[in-house]
Amino acid sequence: MKVFTSTNAKKKKKNKRKKKNRDFLIKYWSLLEPYPYPELMVSREELNEFYKQSSSLNKVQFTGKLRKEEDGYVYLDIKNDIVDGLFGLLGKEEGAKKPPYFGRGGIGAHISVISSEEGEELADTEIKEIGMDIEFSLKDAFSTNPDGWEEMERVWFVNVAAPELTKIRKRYGLPATYDGKNHRFHITFGVKEAE
């Protein structure tokens, strides 16, 4: 899998097409997010190189709005453009597509905060932070064969740092992590369905 990393990463020999692609990507990301994000996301390297470079991405703050569904599920609603950009990193990964909650009736790009089951337990509690803007930053990216999501053979995630989301969970008597498991806050940006 190919991904974008810092321009400080090892540079390859440039040709006109690569320069044109790089210029387009800088322009694309600069329309979506503030500096220095466009400059950090323009050269392609292997995933393990991205892991090494990803620490520089955590300096860029994104914002999402906290939302709640009727079933009690609480999530941070984020720009779909973030997932669009991350999904593009998968290149020609065979069978990869955007997560199933994109398109009509789906909630789109988001970060899960409180599960529906946890939300049921809090049914009589008003979550005062609903509608608030909350900051987060991107961390490391990874893929896995997900436990508990049998329909999917592979799922691609990017972890996020969102201290305010942890505080919100604790404020309402929930464990620091989603579903009380070792489940970090993350954005799912790609899936491959099981055959």
N, C-alpha and C. Protein backbone atom coordinates (compact mmCIF):
# COMPACT_ATOMS: atom_id res chain seq x y z
N MET A 1 0.84 -1.18 0.00
CA MET A 1 0.00 0.00 0.00
C MET A 1 0.88 1.23 0.00
N LYS A 2 0.58 2.19 -0.82
CA LYS A 2 1.33 3.44 -0.89
C LYS A 2 0.59 4.51 -0.12
N VAL A 3 1.34 5.36 0.58
CA VAL A 3 0.73 6.47 1.31
C VAL A 3 1.60 7.70 1.18
N PHE A 4 1.06 8.85 1.57
CA PHE A 4 1.81 10.10 1.53
C PHE A 4 2.53 10.28 2.85
N THR A 5 3.71 10.85 2.76
CA THR A 5 4.46 11.15 3.97
C THR A 5 5.08 12.53 3.85
N SER A 6 5.84 12.89 4.84
CA SER A 6 6.48 14.20 4.87
C SER A 6 7.40 14.40 3.66
N THR A 7 7.49 15.65 3.23
CA THR A 7 8.42 15.95 2.14
C THR A 7 9.86 15.79 2.59
N ASN A 8 10.07 15.61 3.89
CA ASN A 8 11.42 15.35 4.39
C ASN A 8 11.83 13.90 4.16
N ALA A 9 10.89 13.06 3.75
CA ALA A 9 11.21 11.66 3.47
C ALA A 9 12.16 11.60 2.28
N LYS A 10 12.80 10.46 2.13
CA LYS A 10 13.75 10.27 1.02
C LYS A 10 13.09 10.61 -0.31
N LYS A 11 13.71 11.49 -1.05
CA LYS A 11 13.12 11.94 -2.31
C LYS A 11 13.59 11.06 -3.45
N LYS A 12 12.66 10.78 -4.35
CA LYS A 12 12.99 9.99 -5.54
C LYS A 12 13.24 10.95 -6.70
N LYS A 13 13.83 10.42 -7.74
CA LYS A 13 14.09 11.20 -8.94
C LYS A 13 12.79 11.75 -9.48
N LYS A 14 12.75 13.03 -9.75
CA LYS A 14 11.51 13.67 -10.21
C LYS A 14 11.45 13.68 -11.72
N ASN A 15 10.24 13.58 -12.21
CA ASN A 15 10.01 13.83 -13.62
C ASN A 15 8.82 14.78 -13.71
N LYS A 16 8.48 15.23 -14.93
CA LYS A 16 7.42 16.23 -15.07
C LYS A 16 6.10 15.74 -14.51
N ARG A 17 5.76 14.49 -14.75
CA ARG A 17 4.47 13.96 -14.28
C ARG A 17 4.40 13.95 -12.75
N LYS A 18 5.48 13.50 -12.12
CA LYS A 18 5.49 13.47 -10.66
C LYS A 18 5.39 14.88 -10.08
N LYS A 19 6.09 15.84 -10.71
CA LYS A 19 6.02 17.21 -10.23
C LYS A 19 4.61 17.75 -10.38
N LYS A 20 3.96 17.46 -11.52
CA LYS A 20 2.59 17.90 -11.75
C LYS A 20 1.65 17.28 -10.71
N ASN A 21 1.80 15.98 -10.43
CA ASN A 21 0.98 15.31 -9.42
C ASN A 21 1.21 15.92 -8.04
N ARG A 22 2.49 16.19 -7.73
CA ARG A 22 2.82 16.76 -6.43
C ARG A 22 2.18 18.14 -6.28
N ASP A 23 2.29 18.96 -7.33
CA ASP A 23 1.70 20.31 -7.29
C ASP A 23 0.18 20.23 -7.13
N PHE A 24 -0.44 19.29 -7.83
CA PHE A 24 -1.89 19.11 -7.71
C PHE A 24 -2.27 18.72 -6.28
N LEU A 25 -1.51 17.79 -5.70
CA LEU A 25 -1.83 17.33 -4.34
C LEU A 25 -1.66 18.44 -3.32
N ILE A 26 -0.61 19.23 -3.46
CA ILE A 26 -0.44 20.37 -2.53
C ILE A 26 -1.63 21.30 -2.65
N LYS A 27 -2.03 21.61 -3.88
CA LYS A 27 -3.17 22.50 -4.10
C LYS A 27 -4.44 21.89 -3.52
N TYR A 28 -4.66 20.57 -3.76
CA TYR A 28 -5.85 19.88 -3.25
C TYR A 28 -5.93 19.94 -1.73
N TRP A 29 -4.84 19.54 -1.07
CA TRP A 29 -4.87 19.52 0.39
C TRP A 29 -4.93 20.92 0.97
N SER A 30 -4.34 21.91 0.32
CA SER A 30 -4.37 23.28 0.86
C SER A 30 -5.77 23.87 0.80
N LEU A 31 -6.61 23.38 -0.10
CA LEU A 31 -7.99 23.83 -0.13
C LEU A 31 -8.78 23.26 1.04
N LEU A 32 -8.37 22.09 1.50
CA LEU A 32 -9.12 21.39 2.55
C LEU A 32 -8.66 21.73 3.96
N GLU A 33 -7.35 21.83 4.14
CA GLU A 33 -6.82 21.93 5.50
C GLU A 33 -5.70 22.97 5.57
N PRO A 34 -5.45 23.48 6.76
CA PRO A 34 -4.44 24.53 6.93
C PRO A 34 -3.01 24.00 6.80
N TYR A 35 -2.08 24.93 6.51
CA TYR A 35 -0.66 24.60 6.56
C TYR A 35 -0.35 24.08 7.95
N PRO A 36 0.50 23.07 8.16
CA PRO A 36 1.43 22.49 7.21
C PRO A 36 0.92 21.20 6.55
N TYR A 37 -0.35 20.88 6.72
CA TYR A 37 -0.84 19.61 6.19
C TYR A 37 -0.56 19.40 4.70
N PRO A 38 -0.81 20.37 3.83
CA PRO A 38 -0.53 20.14 2.40
C PRO A 38 0.92 19.77 2.14
N GLU A 39 1.84 20.40 2.84
CA GLU A 39 3.26 20.12 2.62
C GLU A 39 3.66 18.75 3.17
N LEU A 40 2.92 18.23 4.13
CA LEU A 40 3.26 16.95 4.72
C LEU A 40 2.73 15.77 3.92
N MET A 41 1.78 16.02 3.02
CA MET A 41 1.06 14.93 2.39
C MET A 41 1.29 14.83 0.88
N VAL A 42 2.52 15.02 0.43
CA VAL A 42 2.69 15.11 -1.01
C VAL A 42 3.68 14.14 -1.65
N SER A 43 4.48 13.42 -0.92
CA SER A 43 5.35 12.45 -1.57
C SER A 43 4.89 11.04 -1.17
N ARG A 44 5.05 10.06 -2.07
CA ARG A 44 4.55 8.71 -1.83
C ARG A 44 5.67 7.81 -1.31
N GLU A 45 5.38 7.04 -0.27
CA GLU A 45 6.35 6.10 0.29
C GLU A 45 5.59 4.86 0.76
N GLU A 46 6.31 3.82 1.12
CA GLU A 46 5.69 2.61 1.65
C GLU A 46 5.08 2.90 3.02
N LEU A 47 4.12 2.06 3.43
CA LEU A 47 3.39 2.27 4.68
C LEU A 47 4.33 2.35 5.88
N ASN A 48 5.36 1.47 5.92
CA ASN A 48 6.25 1.52 7.09
C ASN A 48 7.01 2.84 7.17
N GLU A 49 7.27 3.47 6.04
CA GLU A 49 7.90 4.80 6.05
C GLU A 49 6.92 5.83 6.59
N PHE A 50 5.63 5.66 6.25
CA PHE A 50 4.60 6.56 6.78
C PHE A 50 4.56 6.49 8.30
N TYR A 51 4.69 5.28 8.85
CA TYR A 51 4.70 5.15 10.31
C TYR A 51 5.81 5.99 10.92
N LYS A 52 6.99 5.97 10.30
CA LYS A 52 8.12 6.73 10.82
C LYS A 52 7.86 8.24 10.74
N GLN A 53 7.21 8.67 9.66
CA GLN A 53 7.02 10.09 9.42
C GLN A 53 5.74 10.64 10.05
N SER A 54 4.81 9.76 10.44
CA SER A 54 3.48 10.23 10.83
C SER A 54 3.48 11.10 12.08
N SER A 55 4.55 11.06 12.86
CA SER A 55 4.59 11.91 14.05
C SER A 55 4.49 13.38 13.69
N SER A 56 4.92 13.76 12.50
CA SER A 56 4.82 15.16 12.11
C SER A 56 3.39 15.58 11.79
N LEU A 57 2.51 14.60 11.51
CA LEU A 57 1.13 14.94 11.19
C LEU A 57 0.33 15.34 12.42
N ASN A 58 0.75 14.89 13.59
CA ASN A 58 -0.04 15.17 14.78
C ASN A 58 0.01 16.64 15.19
N LYS A 59 0.76 17.45 14.47
CA LYS A 59 0.81 18.88 14.77
C LYS A 59 -0.34 19.64 14.13
N VAL A 60 -1.04 19.00 13.19
CA VAL A 60 -2.14 19.65 12.49
C VAL A 60 -3.45 19.32 13.19
N GLN A 61 -4.19 20.33 13.57
CA GLN A 61 -5.45 20.13 14.27
C GLN A 61 -6.62 20.22 13.30
N PHE A 62 -7.48 19.19 13.33
CA PHE A 62 -8.72 19.17 12.58
C PHE A 62 -9.86 19.39 13.56
N THR A 63 -11.03 19.68 13.05
CA THR A 63 -12.19 19.90 13.92
C THR A 63 -13.38 19.12 13.38
N GLY A 64 -14.14 18.55 14.31
CA GLY A 64 -15.39 17.87 13.96
C GLY A 64 -16.47 18.29 14.93
N LYS A 65 -17.71 17.97 14.60
CA LYS A 65 -18.85 18.34 15.45
C LYS A 65 -19.42 17.07 16.08
N LEU A 66 -19.64 17.11 17.39
CA LEU A 66 -20.18 15.96 18.11
C LEU A 66 -21.67 15.82 17.81
N ARG A 67 -22.08 14.61 17.39
CA ARG A 67 -23.47 14.33 17.01
C ARG A 67 -23.96 13.08 17.74
N LYS A 68 -25.30 12.96 17.81
CA LYS A 68 -25.91 11.80 18.47
C LYS A 68 -27.05 11.28 17.61
N GLU A 69 -27.08 9.96 17.41
CA GLU A 69 -28.16 9.30 16.68
C GLU A 69 -29.28 8.93 17.65
N GLU A 70 -30.44 8.59 17.11
CA GLU A 70 -31.59 8.23 17.95
C GLU A 70 -31.34 7.02 18.84
N ASP A 71 -30.49 6.10 18.38
CA ASP A 71 -30.22 4.89 19.16
C ASP A 71 -29.18 5.11 20.26
N GLY A 72 -28.72 6.37 20.44
CA GLY A 72 -27.76 6.69 21.48
C GLY A 72 -26.32 6.73 21.02
N TYR A 73 -26.06 6.31 19.79
CA TYR A 73 -24.70 6.32 19.24
C TYR A 73 -24.21 7.76 19.11
N VAL A 74 -23.02 8.04 19.64
CA VAL A 74 -22.43 9.37 19.60
C VAL A 74 -21.14 9.30 18.79
N TYR A 75 -20.97 10.26 17.88
CA TYR A 75 -19.79 10.26 17.03
C TYR A 75 -19.36 11.70 16.74
N LEU A 76 -18.11 11.82 16.33
CA LEU A 76 -17.59 13.12 15.90
C LEU A 76 -17.71 13.16 14.38
N ASP A 77 -18.56 14.04 13.89
CA ASP A 77 -18.80 14.20 12.46
C ASP A 77 -17.65 15.01 11.88
N ILE A 78 -16.93 14.42 10.92
CA ILE A 78 -15.77 15.09 10.33
C ILE A 78 -15.97 15.25 8.82
N LYS A 79 -15.11 16.03 8.19
CA LYS A 79 -15.22 16.26 6.75
C LYS A 79 -15.00 14.97 5.98
N ASN A 80 -15.89 14.68 5.03
CA ASN A 80 -15.72 13.52 4.16
C ASN A 80 -14.43 13.64 3.35
N ASP A 81 -13.98 14.87 3.11
CA ASP A 81 -12.77 15.08 2.33
C ASP A 81 -11.55 14.41 2.98
N ILE A 82 -11.55 14.29 4.30
CA ILE A 82 -10.44 13.64 4.99
C ILE A 82 -10.37 12.18 4.56
N VAL A 83 -11.52 11.50 4.56
CA VAL A 83 -11.55 10.10 4.13
C VAL A 83 -11.27 9.99 2.64
N ASP A 84 -11.78 10.93 1.85
CA ASP A 84 -11.50 10.91 0.41
C ASP A 84 -10.00 10.94 0.17
N GLY A 85 -9.30 11.82 0.87
CA GLY A 85 -7.85 11.93 0.71
C GLY A 85 -7.13 10.69 1.18
N LEU A 86 -7.51 10.16 2.34
CA LEU A 86 -6.87 8.96 2.87
C LEU A 86 -7.15 7.75 1.98
N PHE A 87 -8.39 7.65 1.49
CA PHE A 87 -8.75 6.52 0.63
C PHE A 87 -7.89 6.51 -0.64
N GLY A 88 -7.59 7.69 -1.14
CA GLY A 88 -6.73 7.80 -2.32
C GLY A 88 -5.36 7.21 -2.11
N LEU A 89 -4.92 7.11 -0.86
CA LEU A 89 -3.61 6.55 -0.55
C LEU A 89 -3.55 5.05 -0.82
N LEU A 90 -4.69 4.41 -0.87
CA LEU A 90 -4.71 2.96 -1.09
C LEU A 90 -4.34 2.60 -2.52
N GLY A 91 -4.39 3.59 -3.41
CA GLY A 91 -4.02 3.34 -4.79
C GLY A 91 -4.89 2.28 -5.42
N LYS A 92 -4.26 1.26 -5.97
CA LYS A 92 -4.99 0.20 -6.66
C LYS A 92 -5.12 -1.04 -5.79
N GLU A 93 -5.23 -0.86 -4.48
CA GLU A 93 -5.42 -1.99 -3.57
C GLU A 93 -6.66 -2.75 -4.00
N GLU A 94 -6.49 -3.99 -4.41
CA GLU A 94 -7.58 -4.77 -5.01
C GLU A 94 -8.75 -4.95 -4.04
N GLY A 95 -9.93 -4.58 -4.51
CA GLY A 95 -11.15 -4.76 -3.72
C GLY A 95 -11.41 -3.70 -2.68
N ALA A 96 -10.51 -2.72 -2.53
CA ALA A 96 -10.70 -1.68 -1.51
C ALA A 96 -11.78 -0.71 -1.96
N LYS A 97 -12.64 -0.34 -1.01
CA LYS A 97 -13.63 0.69 -1.27
C LYS A 97 -13.86 1.49 0.01
N LYS A 98 -14.60 2.56 -0.12
CA LYS A 98 -14.90 3.37 1.06
C LYS A 98 -15.83 2.59 1.99
N PRO A 99 -15.83 2.93 3.27
CA PRO A 99 -16.70 2.23 4.22
C PRO A 99 -18.18 2.32 3.82
N PRO A 100 -18.99 1.36 4.25
CA PRO A 100 -20.38 1.27 3.80
C PRO A 100 -21.29 2.41 4.26
N TYR A 101 -20.85 3.23 5.19
CA TYR A 101 -21.71 4.32 5.67
C TYR A 101 -21.52 5.60 4.88
N PHE A 102 -20.88 5.51 3.70
CA PHE A 102 -20.81 6.64 2.77
C PHE A 102 -21.95 6.50 1.77
N GLY A 103 -22.39 7.63 1.25
CA GLY A 103 -23.49 7.60 0.28
C GLY A 103 -24.81 7.93 0.94
N ARG A 104 -25.89 7.63 0.24
CA ARG A 104 -27.23 7.99 0.73
C ARG A 104 -27.55 7.42 2.09
N GLY A 105 -27.99 8.29 2.96
CA GLY A 105 -28.45 7.86 4.28
C GLY A 105 -27.35 7.51 5.27
N GLY A 106 -26.10 7.49 4.83
CA GLY A 106 -25.00 7.16 5.73
C GLY A 106 -24.51 8.41 6.46
N ILE A 107 -23.82 8.18 7.56
CA ILE A 107 -23.32 9.33 8.32
C ILE A 107 -22.00 9.87 7.76
N GLY A 108 -21.37 9.12 6.88
CA GLY A 108 -20.12 9.58 6.27
C GLY A 108 -18.95 9.48 7.22
N ALA A 109 -17.94 10.30 6.97
CA ALA A 109 -16.70 10.27 7.76
C ALA A 109 -17.00 10.64 9.21
N HIS A 110 -16.45 9.85 10.14
CA HIS A 110 -16.72 10.10 11.56
C HIS A 110 -15.70 9.37 12.43
N ILE A 111 -15.72 9.74 13.71
CA ILE A 111 -14.95 9.06 14.75
C ILE A 111 -15.96 8.60 15.79
N SER A 112 -16.04 7.29 16.04
CA SER A 112 -16.97 6.77 17.04
C SER A 112 -16.54 7.21 18.43
N VAL A 113 -17.52 7.64 19.24
CA VAL A 113 -17.23 8.12 20.59
C VAL A 113 -17.94 7.26 21.64
N ILE A 114 -19.25 7.06 21.47
CA ILE A 114 -20.05 6.24 22.40
C ILE A 114 -20.87 5.28 21.56
N SER A 115 -20.75 3.98 21.85
CA SER A 115 -21.49 2.98 21.08
C SER A 115 -22.98 3.07 21.38
N SER A 116 -23.79 2.44 20.53
CA SER A 116 -25.24 2.40 20.74
C SER A 116 -25.56 1.74 22.08
N GLU A 117 -24.84 0.66 22.39
CA GLU A 117 -25.07 -0.06 23.67
C GLU A 117 -24.77 0.85 24.86
N GLU A 118 -23.65 1.56 24.79
CA GLU A 118 -23.31 2.50 25.86
C GLU A 118 -24.33 3.63 25.91
N GLY A 119 -24.78 4.07 24.73
CA GLY A 119 -25.77 5.13 24.64
C GLY A 119 -27.09 4.75 25.29
N GLU A 120 -27.48 3.47 25.18
CA GLU A 120 -28.70 3.00 25.84
C GLU A 120 -28.59 3.15 27.35
N GLU A 121 -27.41 2.85 27.89
CA GLU A 121 -27.19 3.00 29.33
C GLU A 121 -27.29 4.46 29.77
N LEU A 122 -26.99 5.37 28.84
CA LEU A 122 -27.04 6.81 29.15
C LEU A 122 -28.31 7.47 28.64
N ALA A 123 -29.34 6.66 28.34
CA ALA A 123 -30.56 7.18 27.71
C ALA A 123 -31.20 8.32 28.50
N ASP A 124 -31.11 8.29 29.81
CA ASP A 124 -31.73 9.33 30.64
C ASP A 124 -30.78 10.49 30.94
N THR A 125 -29.59 10.43 30.36
CA THR A 125 -28.59 11.46 30.62
C THR A 125 -28.44 12.36 29.40
N GLU A 126 -28.50 13.66 29.64
CA GLU A 126 -28.27 14.60 28.54
C GLU A 126 -26.77 14.78 28.35
N ILE A 127 -26.32 14.54 27.13
CA ILE A 127 -24.91 14.74 26.82
C ILE A 127 -24.78 16.19 26.33
N LYS A 128 -24.30 17.03 27.21
CA LYS A 128 -24.30 18.48 26.97
C LYS A 128 -23.37 18.91 25.86
N GLU A 129 -22.40 18.06 25.52
CA GLU A 129 -21.41 18.43 24.50
C GLU A 129 -21.90 18.23 23.07
N ILE A 130 -23.09 17.65 22.89
CA ILE A 130 -23.63 17.44 21.54
C ILE A 130 -23.72 18.79 20.84
N GLY A 131 -23.19 18.84 19.61
CA GLY A 131 -23.17 20.08 18.83
C GLY A 131 -21.88 20.87 18.97
N MET A 132 -21.04 20.49 19.93
CA MET A 132 -19.77 21.19 20.14
C MET A 132 -18.75 20.83 19.06
N ASP A 133 -17.87 21.77 18.72
CA ASP A 133 -16.73 21.50 17.86
C ASP A 133 -15.60 20.96 18.72
N ILE A 134 -14.99 19.86 18.27
CA ILE A 134 -13.92 19.21 19.03
C ILE A 134 -12.74 18.98 18.11
N GLU A 135 -11.54 19.28 18.60
CA GLU A 135 -10.32 19.13 17.81
C GLU A 135 -9.76 17.71 17.90
N PHE A 136 -9.10 17.31 16.82
CA PHE A 136 -8.38 16.04 16.80
C PHE A 136 -7.23 16.16 15.82
N SER A 137 -6.28 15.24 15.91
CA SER A 137 -5.17 15.20 14.95
C SER A 137 -4.95 13.76 14.52
N LEU A 138 -4.39 13.60 13.33
CA LEU A 138 -4.11 12.27 12.79
C LEU A 138 -2.84 11.72 13.41
N LYS A 139 -2.84 10.39 13.59
CA LYS A 139 -1.64 9.72 14.09
C LYS A 139 -1.22 8.68 13.08
N ASP A 140 -1.03 7.43 13.50
CA ASP A 140 -0.53 6.38 12.62
C ASP A 140 -1.66 5.68 11.87
N ALA A 141 -1.31 5.15 10.69
CA ALA A 141 -2.27 4.42 9.86
C ALA A 141 -1.95 2.93 9.94
N PHE A 142 -2.98 2.10 9.78
CA PHE A 142 -2.76 0.66 9.79
C PHE A 142 -3.94 -0.04 9.12
N SER A 143 -3.77 -1.33 8.86
CA SER A 143 -4.87 -2.14 8.35
C SER A 143 -4.93 -3.42 9.17
N THR A 144 -6.10 -4.03 9.20
CA THR A 144 -6.28 -5.24 10.00
C THR A 144 -7.41 -6.09 9.44
N ASN A 145 -7.43 -7.35 9.85
CA ASN A 145 -8.56 -8.22 9.61
C ASN A 145 -9.44 -8.05 10.85
N PRO A 146 -10.56 -7.33 10.74
CA PRO A 146 -11.27 -6.88 11.94
C PRO A 146 -12.06 -7.98 12.67
N ASP A 147 -11.89 -8.03 13.98
CA ASP A 147 -12.72 -8.90 14.82
C ASP A 147 -14.09 -8.25 14.96
N GLY A 148 -15.14 -9.03 14.85
CA GLY A 148 -16.49 -8.51 15.06
C GLY A 148 -17.10 -7.85 13.85
N TRP A 149 -16.40 -7.81 12.73
CA TRP A 149 -16.97 -7.24 11.50
C TRP A 149 -16.76 -8.29 10.40
N GLU A 150 -17.52 -9.36 10.51
CA GLU A 150 -17.33 -10.54 9.67
C GLU A 150 -17.51 -10.25 8.19
N GLU A 151 -18.28 -9.21 7.85
CA GLU A 151 -18.51 -8.88 6.44
C GLU A 151 -17.24 -8.37 5.76
N MET A 152 -16.26 -7.97 6.55
CA MET A 152 -15.05 -7.37 5.99
C MET A 152 -13.82 -8.26 6.20
N GLU A 153 -13.06 -8.39 5.11
CA GLU A 153 -11.81 -9.15 5.16
C GLU A 153 -10.66 -8.27 5.65
N ARG A 154 -10.69 -6.99 5.27
CA ARG A 154 -9.64 -6.06 5.64
C ARG A 154 -10.25 -4.68 5.84
N VAL A 155 -9.70 -3.94 6.81
CA VAL A 155 -10.16 -2.58 7.09
C VAL A 155 -8.93 -1.71 7.32
N TRP A 156 -8.96 -0.52 6.74
CA TRP A 156 -7.86 0.44 6.89
C TRP A 156 -8.31 1.59 7.80
N PHE A 157 -7.47 1.91 8.78
CA PHE A 157 -7.77 2.94 9.78
C PHE A 157 -6.62 3.94 9.86
N VAL A 158 -6.94 5.10 10.39
CA VAL A 158 -5.91 6.01 10.87
C VAL A 158 -6.32 6.37 12.30
N ASN A 159 -5.41 6.14 13.25
CA ASN A 159 -5.68 6.52 14.63
C ASN A 159 -5.70 8.03 14.75
N VAL A 160 -6.45 8.52 15.72
CA VAL A 160 -6.48 9.96 15.96
C VAL A 160 -6.23 10.25 17.43
N ALA A 161 -5.66 11.40 17.70
CA ALA A 161 -5.50 11.90 19.06
C ALA A 161 -6.63 12.89 19.30
N ALA A 162 -7.45 12.62 20.32
CA ALA A 162 -8.58 13.49 20.62
C ALA A 162 -8.82 13.48 22.13
N PRO A 163 -7.98 14.17 22.88
CA PRO A 163 -8.09 14.16 24.35
C PRO A 163 -9.46 14.56 24.87
N GLU A 164 -10.13 15.48 24.18
CA GLU A 164 -11.44 15.94 24.64
C GLU A 164 -12.47 14.81 24.57
N LEU A 165 -12.35 13.92 23.59
CA LEU A 165 -13.28 12.79 23.49
C LEU A 165 -13.12 11.84 24.68
N THR A 166 -11.88 11.63 25.10
CA THR A 166 -11.63 10.80 26.29
C THR A 166 -12.26 11.44 27.52
N LYS A 167 -12.11 12.76 27.65
CA LYS A 167 -12.70 13.47 28.79
C LYS A 167 -14.22 13.34 28.79
N ILE A 168 -14.83 13.43 27.60
CA ILE A 168 -16.29 13.31 27.51
C ILE A 168 -16.72 11.93 27.97
N ARG A 169 -16.05 10.89 27.51
CA ARG A 169 -16.41 9.53 27.92
C ARG A 169 -16.31 9.39 29.44
N LYS A 170 -15.22 9.85 30.01
CA LYS A 170 -15.03 9.74 31.46
C LYS A 170 -16.08 10.55 32.23
N ARG A 171 -16.44 11.72 31.70
CA ARG A 171 -17.42 12.59 32.33
C ARG A 171 -18.76 11.87 32.54
N TYR A 172 -19.07 10.95 31.63
CA TYR A 172 -20.35 10.22 31.71
C TYR A 172 -20.18 8.80 32.25
N GLY A 173 -19.07 8.58 32.97
CA GLY A 173 -18.87 7.31 33.66
C GLY A 173 -18.48 6.15 32.76
N LEU A 174 -17.97 6.44 31.58
CA LEU A 174 -17.56 5.40 30.65
C LEU A 174 -16.05 5.20 30.70
N PRO A 175 -15.57 4.01 30.33
CA PRO A 175 -14.11 3.82 30.25
C PRO A 175 -13.51 4.79 29.23
N ALA A 176 -12.23 5.04 29.34
CA ALA A 176 -11.56 6.01 28.45
C ALA A 176 -11.65 5.62 26.99
N THR A 177 -11.72 4.31 26.71
CA THR A 177 -11.75 3.85 25.32
C THR A 177 -13.14 3.38 24.92
N TYR A 178 -13.44 3.54 23.66
CA TYR A 178 -14.71 3.14 23.07
C TYR A 178 -15.01 1.67 23.33
N ASP A 179 -16.22 1.38 23.75
CA ASP A 179 -16.67 0.02 24.08
C ASP A 179 -15.89 -0.61 25.22
N GLY A 180 -15.11 0.16 25.96
CA GLY A 180 -14.38 -0.37 27.10
C GLY A 180 -13.28 -1.34 26.72
N LYS A 181 -12.90 -1.39 25.45
CA LYS A 181 -11.85 -2.29 24.99
C LYS A 181 -10.61 -1.47 24.65
N ASN A 182 -9.59 -2.16 24.22
CA ASN A 182 -8.40 -1.44 23.74
C ASN A 182 -8.71 -0.94 22.33
N HIS A 183 -9.60 0.00 22.25
CA HIS A 183 -10.16 0.46 20.98
C HIS A 183 -9.89 1.96 20.89
N ARG A 184 -8.87 2.33 20.17
CA ARG A 184 -8.49 3.74 20.09
C ARG A 184 -9.47 4.51 19.21
N PHE A 185 -9.51 5.81 19.41
CA PHE A 185 -10.28 6.65 18.50
C PHE A 185 -9.61 6.58 17.13
N HIS A 186 -10.40 6.42 16.09
CA HIS A 186 -9.84 6.24 14.76
C HIS A 186 -10.84 6.65 13.69
N ILE A 187 -10.33 6.76 12.46
CA ILE A 187 -11.16 7.00 11.28
C ILE A 187 -10.95 5.81 10.35
N THR A 188 -12.03 5.15 9.98
CA THR A 188 -11.95 4.07 9.00
C THR A 188 -12.03 4.71 7.62
N PHE A 189 -11.02 4.45 6.78
CA PHE A 189 -11.04 5.10 5.46
C PHE A 189 -11.09 4.11 4.30
N GLY A 190 -11.03 2.82 4.58
CA GLY A 190 -11.14 1.84 3.50
C GLY A 190 -11.54 0.48 4.03
N VAL A 191 -12.24 -0.29 3.21
CA VAL A 191 -12.64 -1.65 3.58
C VAL A 191 -12.52 -2.56 2.36
N LYS A 192 -12.34 -3.84 2.64
CA LYS A 192 -12.38 -4.87 1.60
C LYS A 192 -13.33 -5.94 2.10
N GLU A 193 -14.40 -6.20 1.34
CA GLU A 193 -15.41 -7.15 1.78
C GLU A 193 -14.89 -8.57 1.71
N ALA A 194 -15.36 -9.39 2.68
CA ALA A 194 -15.00 -10.81 2.69
C ALA A 194 -15.71 -11.52 1.54
N GLU A 195 -15.08 -12.52 0.99
CA GLU A 195 -15.69 -13.27 -0.12
C GLU A 195 -16.50 -14.44 0.39
